[in-house]
Amino acid sequence: SGFGSDFGSGGGGGGKLDPGLIMEQVKVQIAVANAQELLQRMTDKCFRKCIGKPGGALDNSEQKCIAMCMDRYMDSWNTVSRAYNSRLQRERANM
């Protein structure tokens, strides 16, 4: 059992690796890592912006600030992601 044991084609395939399966697993792992990074960055930025003195609970204004900050952060992230993907598609089409 090692790192490669998770990436086999399964069920007695003679130990051959399926490149398609490996690529799909890598894509999933990258997507999870990106989502975790997004959540961490959003949490850090919105906490610093909205929470002046941490306490046992958030007051009403802090709750509203956090909600609005997270909404704006996600909107910005989505806008940048769409622009980036659009640019990638244009560059690929011109290759």
N, C-alpha and C. Protein backbone atom coordinates (compact mmCIF):
# COMPACT_ATOMS: atom_id res chain seq x y z
N SER A 1 0.85 -1.19 0.00
CA SER A 1 0.00 0.00 0.00
C SER A 1 0.88 1.23 0.00
N GLY A 2 0.66 2.08 -0.99
CA GLY A 2 1.43 3.31 -1.11
C GLY A 2 0.60 4.34 -1.82
N PHE A 3 1.25 5.39 -2.26
CA PHE A 3 0.55 6.47 -2.94
C PHE A 3 -0.19 5.97 -4.16
N GLY A 4 0.46 5.13 -4.94
CA GLY A 4 -0.13 4.65 -6.18
C GLY A 4 -1.29 3.70 -6.00
N SER A 5 -1.49 3.18 -4.81
CA SER A 5 -2.53 2.16 -4.62
C SER A 5 -3.92 2.71 -4.84
N ASP A 6 -4.12 4.03 -4.71
CA ASP A 6 -5.44 4.61 -4.92
C ASP A 6 -5.75 4.83 -6.40
N PHE A 7 -4.74 4.70 -7.26
CA PHE A 7 -4.93 5.10 -8.65
C PHE A 7 -4.98 3.94 -9.63
N GLY A 8 -5.09 2.73 -9.15
CA GLY A 8 -5.12 1.60 -10.06
C GLY A 8 -6.45 1.51 -10.79
N SER A 9 -6.49 0.63 -11.80
CA SER A 9 -7.74 0.46 -12.53
C SER A 9 -8.67 -0.49 -11.80
N GLY A 10 -8.20 -1.04 -10.69
CA GLY A 10 -9.05 -1.87 -9.84
C GLY A 10 -9.17 -3.28 -10.35
N GLY A 11 -9.64 -4.14 -9.49
CA GLY A 11 -10.04 -5.50 -9.84
C GLY A 11 -9.10 -6.31 -10.69
N GLY A 12 -7.87 -6.52 -10.29
CA GLY A 12 -6.99 -7.46 -10.97
C GLY A 12 -6.59 -7.04 -12.36
N GLY A 13 -6.35 -5.75 -12.57
CA GLY A 13 -5.94 -5.27 -13.87
C GLY A 13 -4.47 -5.46 -14.12
N GLY A 14 -3.81 -6.28 -13.35
CA GLY A 14 -2.40 -6.52 -13.55
C GLY A 14 -1.54 -5.34 -13.15
N GLY A 15 -2.08 -4.44 -12.32
CA GLY A 15 -1.33 -3.31 -11.86
C GLY A 15 -1.20 -2.19 -12.87
N LYS A 16 -1.87 -2.29 -14.00
CA LYS A 16 -1.81 -1.23 -15.00
C LYS A 16 -2.59 -0.01 -14.52
N LEU A 17 -2.05 1.16 -14.80
CA LEU A 17 -2.72 2.39 -14.43
C LEU A 17 -3.55 2.89 -15.60
N ASP A 18 -4.72 3.40 -15.29
CA ASP A 18 -5.61 3.96 -16.30
C ASP A 18 -5.38 5.48 -16.31
N PRO A 19 -4.72 6.01 -17.34
CA PRO A 19 -4.43 7.44 -17.37
C PRO A 19 -5.69 8.31 -17.29
N GLY A 20 -6.77 7.87 -17.91
CA GLY A 20 -8.02 8.63 -17.86
C GLY A 20 -8.56 8.73 -16.45
N LEU A 21 -8.50 7.61 -15.72
CA LEU A 21 -8.96 7.59 -14.34
C LEU A 21 -8.08 8.47 -13.46
N ILE A 22 -6.78 8.39 -13.68
CA ILE A 22 -5.85 9.21 -12.90
C ILE A 22 -6.14 10.69 -13.13
N MET A 23 -6.34 11.08 -14.40
CA MET A 23 -6.61 12.48 -14.71
C MET A 23 -7.90 12.96 -14.05
N GLU A 24 -8.93 12.12 -14.06
CA GLU A 24 -10.18 12.50 -13.41
C GLU A 24 -10.00 12.68 -11.91
N GLN A 25 -9.23 11.78 -11.30
CA GLN A 25 -9.00 11.88 -9.86
C GLN A 25 -8.18 13.12 -9.53
N VAL A 26 -7.21 13.45 -10.37
CA VAL A 26 -6.41 14.65 -10.16
C VAL A 26 -7.29 15.89 -10.31
N LYS A 27 -8.17 15.91 -11.31
CA LYS A 27 -9.07 17.05 -11.50
C LYS A 27 -9.97 17.25 -10.29
N VAL A 28 -10.47 16.16 -9.74
CA VAL A 28 -11.32 16.25 -8.54
C VAL A 28 -10.51 16.80 -7.37
N GLN A 29 -9.29 16.30 -7.20
CA GLN A 29 -8.46 16.77 -6.10
C GLN A 29 -8.12 18.25 -6.26
N ILE A 30 -7.87 18.71 -7.48
CA ILE A 30 -7.59 20.12 -7.72
C ILE A 30 -8.82 20.96 -7.43
N ALA A 31 -9.99 20.49 -7.85
CA ALA A 31 -11.23 21.23 -7.59
C ALA A 31 -11.49 21.36 -6.09
N VAL A 32 -11.25 20.30 -5.34
CA VAL A 32 -11.43 20.33 -3.89
C VAL A 32 -10.44 21.31 -3.26
N ALA A 33 -9.19 21.25 -3.70
CA ALA A 33 -8.17 22.16 -3.16
C ALA A 33 -8.52 23.61 -3.47
N ASN A 34 -9.02 23.88 -4.68
CA ASN A 34 -9.42 25.25 -5.05
C ASN A 34 -10.58 25.73 -4.20
N ALA A 35 -11.55 24.86 -3.96
CA ALA A 35 -12.71 25.23 -3.13
C ALA A 35 -12.27 25.51 -1.70
N GLN A 36 -11.35 24.69 -1.18
CA GLN A 36 -10.85 24.92 0.18
C GLN A 36 -10.10 26.24 0.28
N GLU A 37 -9.30 26.54 -0.74
CA GLU A 37 -8.54 27.79 -0.74
C GLU A 37 -9.49 28.99 -0.82
N LEU A 38 -10.50 28.89 -1.68
CA LEU A 38 -11.49 29.96 -1.79
C LEU A 38 -12.17 30.21 -0.45
N LEU A 39 -12.61 29.16 0.19
CA LEU A 39 -13.29 29.29 1.47
C LEU A 39 -12.37 29.90 2.53
N GLN A 40 -11.11 29.45 2.56
CA GLN A 40 -10.15 29.97 3.54
C GLN A 40 -9.88 31.46 3.32
N ARG A 41 -9.65 31.84 2.07
CA ARG A 41 -9.38 33.25 1.77
C ARG A 41 -10.58 34.13 2.09
N MET A 42 -11.76 33.65 1.71
CA MET A 42 -12.98 34.41 1.97
C MET A 42 -13.19 34.57 3.47
N THR A 43 -13.00 33.51 4.21
CA THR A 43 -13.17 33.56 5.66
C THR A 43 -12.19 34.55 6.29
N ASP A 44 -10.91 34.46 5.89
CA ASP A 44 -9.90 35.36 6.44
C ASP A 44 -10.22 36.82 6.15
N LYS A 45 -10.51 37.13 4.89
CA LYS A 45 -10.76 38.51 4.49
C LYS A 45 -12.01 39.07 5.16
N CYS A 46 -13.09 38.30 5.15
CA CYS A 46 -14.34 38.80 5.72
C CYS A 46 -14.26 38.90 7.25
N PHE A 47 -13.54 37.99 7.88
CA PHE A 47 -13.38 38.08 9.33
C PHE A 47 -12.62 39.35 9.69
N ARG A 48 -11.51 39.60 8.97
CA ARG A 48 -10.72 40.80 9.26
C ARG A 48 -11.52 42.08 9.00
N LYS A 49 -12.34 42.05 7.96
CA LYS A 49 -13.13 43.24 7.60
C LYS A 49 -14.27 43.48 8.59
N CYS A 50 -14.91 42.43 9.06
CA CYS A 50 -16.19 42.58 9.76
C CYS A 50 -16.12 42.42 11.28
N ILE A 51 -15.14 41.72 11.78
CA ILE A 51 -15.11 41.42 13.22
C ILE A 51 -14.03 42.26 13.89
N GLY A 52 -14.47 43.28 14.62
CA GLY A 52 -13.52 44.16 15.31
C GLY A 52 -12.96 43.52 16.56
N LYS A 53 -13.84 43.05 17.39
CA LYS A 53 -13.44 42.42 18.65
C LYS A 53 -14.17 41.09 18.77
N PRO A 54 -13.48 39.99 18.49
CA PRO A 54 -14.14 38.69 18.58
C PRO A 54 -14.69 38.44 19.98
N GLY A 55 -15.88 37.88 20.02
CA GLY A 55 -16.52 37.56 21.29
C GLY A 55 -17.22 36.22 21.19
N GLY A 56 -18.16 36.00 22.07
CA GLY A 56 -18.87 34.74 22.11
C GLY A 56 -19.90 34.57 21.01
N ALA A 57 -20.33 35.69 20.41
CA ALA A 57 -21.35 35.64 19.36
C ALA A 57 -21.20 36.86 18.46
N LEU A 58 -21.75 36.75 17.27
CA LEU A 58 -21.73 37.88 16.35
C LEU A 58 -22.95 38.76 16.61
N ASP A 59 -22.72 40.08 16.62
CA ASP A 59 -23.89 40.95 16.74
C ASP A 59 -24.53 41.12 15.36
N ASN A 60 -25.65 41.81 15.33
CA ASN A 60 -26.42 41.94 14.10
C ASN A 60 -25.62 42.57 12.97
N SER A 61 -24.88 43.63 13.26
CA SER A 61 -24.11 44.31 12.21
C SER A 61 -22.98 43.41 11.70
N GLU A 62 -22.37 42.64 12.58
CA GLU A 62 -21.32 41.71 12.15
C GLU A 62 -21.88 40.61 11.25
N GLN A 63 -23.05 40.10 11.61
CA GLN A 63 -23.69 39.08 10.78
C GLN A 63 -24.00 39.61 9.38
N LYS A 64 -24.54 40.83 9.31
CA LYS A 64 -24.86 41.43 8.01
C LYS A 64 -23.59 41.68 7.22
N CYS A 65 -22.55 42.19 7.89
CA CYS A 65 -21.29 42.46 7.21
C CYS A 65 -20.69 41.17 6.64
N ILE A 66 -20.68 40.10 7.44
CA ILE A 66 -20.14 38.81 6.98
C ILE A 66 -20.92 38.31 5.77
N ALA A 67 -22.24 38.36 5.85
CA ALA A 67 -23.08 37.88 4.74
C ALA A 67 -22.82 38.68 3.47
N MET A 68 -22.77 40.00 3.58
CA MET A 68 -22.54 40.84 2.41
C MET A 68 -21.13 40.65 1.87
N CYS A 69 -20.15 40.56 2.76
CA CYS A 69 -18.76 40.36 2.34
C CYS A 69 -18.62 39.05 1.58
N MET A 70 -19.21 37.99 2.09
CA MET A 70 -19.10 36.69 1.43
C MET A 70 -19.82 36.71 0.08
N ASP A 71 -20.98 37.37 0.01
CA ASP A 71 -21.69 37.50 -1.26
C ASP A 71 -20.85 38.25 -2.29
N ARG A 72 -20.27 39.37 -1.87
CA ARG A 72 -19.44 40.16 -2.79
C ARG A 72 -18.20 39.37 -3.21
N TYR A 73 -17.60 38.66 -2.27
CA TYR A 73 -16.40 37.88 -2.58
C TYR A 73 -16.73 36.80 -3.61
N MET A 74 -17.85 36.10 -3.42
CA MET A 74 -18.24 35.05 -4.36
C MET A 74 -18.59 35.64 -5.73
N ASP A 75 -19.27 36.78 -5.75
CA ASP A 75 -19.58 37.43 -7.02
C ASP A 75 -18.29 37.79 -7.76
N SER A 76 -17.33 38.36 -7.03
CA SER A 76 -16.05 38.73 -7.64
C SER A 76 -15.32 37.51 -8.15
N TRP A 77 -15.30 36.45 -7.34
CA TRP A 77 -14.63 35.21 -7.73
C TRP A 77 -15.25 34.66 -9.02
N ASN A 78 -16.57 34.64 -9.07
CA ASN A 78 -17.26 34.12 -10.26
C ASN A 78 -16.98 34.96 -11.50
N THR A 79 -16.94 36.29 -11.34
CA THR A 79 -16.65 37.17 -12.46
C THR A 79 -15.24 36.92 -12.99
N VAL A 80 -14.28 36.83 -12.09
CA VAL A 80 -12.90 36.58 -12.50
C VAL A 80 -12.78 35.19 -13.14
N SER A 81 -13.44 34.20 -12.57
CA SER A 81 -13.38 32.83 -13.11
C SER A 81 -13.96 32.78 -14.52
N ARG A 82 -15.10 33.44 -14.74
CA ARG A 82 -15.70 33.46 -16.07
C ARG A 82 -14.77 34.15 -17.08
N ALA A 83 -14.18 35.28 -16.68
CA ALA A 83 -13.28 36.00 -17.58
C ALA A 83 -12.05 35.15 -17.90
N TYR A 84 -11.51 34.49 -16.88
CA TYR A 84 -10.33 33.64 -17.07
C TYR A 84 -10.64 32.47 -18.01
N ASN A 85 -11.75 31.80 -17.77
CA ASN A 85 -12.13 30.66 -18.62
C ASN A 85 -12.41 31.11 -20.05
N SER A 86 -13.04 32.27 -20.21
CA SER A 86 -13.31 32.79 -21.54
C SER A 86 -12.00 33.08 -22.28
N ARG A 87 -11.06 33.66 -21.58
CA ARG A 87 -9.76 33.96 -22.19
C ARG A 87 -9.03 32.67 -22.57
N LEU A 88 -9.06 31.67 -21.68
CA LEU A 88 -8.44 30.39 -22.00
C LEU A 88 -9.04 29.78 -23.25
N GLN A 89 -10.36 29.82 -23.37
CA GLN A 89 -11.03 29.25 -24.54
C GLN A 89 -10.63 29.99 -25.81
N ARG A 90 -10.53 31.34 -25.74
CA ARG A 90 -10.11 32.11 -26.91
C ARG A 90 -8.69 31.77 -27.31
N GLU A 91 -7.81 31.64 -26.32
CA GLU A 91 -6.41 31.31 -26.63
C GLU A 91 -6.27 29.91 -27.20
N ARG A 92 -7.05 28.97 -26.68
CA ARG A 92 -7.01 27.61 -27.21
C ARG A 92 -7.53 27.57 -28.66
N ALA A 93 -8.56 28.38 -28.94
CA ALA A 93 -9.12 28.41 -30.29
C ALA A 93 -8.14 29.02 -31.29
N ASN A 94 -7.26 29.89 -30.82
CA ASN A 94 -6.28 30.54 -31.70
C ASN A 94 -5.00 29.72 -31.87
N MET A 95 -4.87 28.60 -31.19
CA MET A 95 -3.65 27.80 -31.27
C MET A 95 -3.63 26.99 -32.55
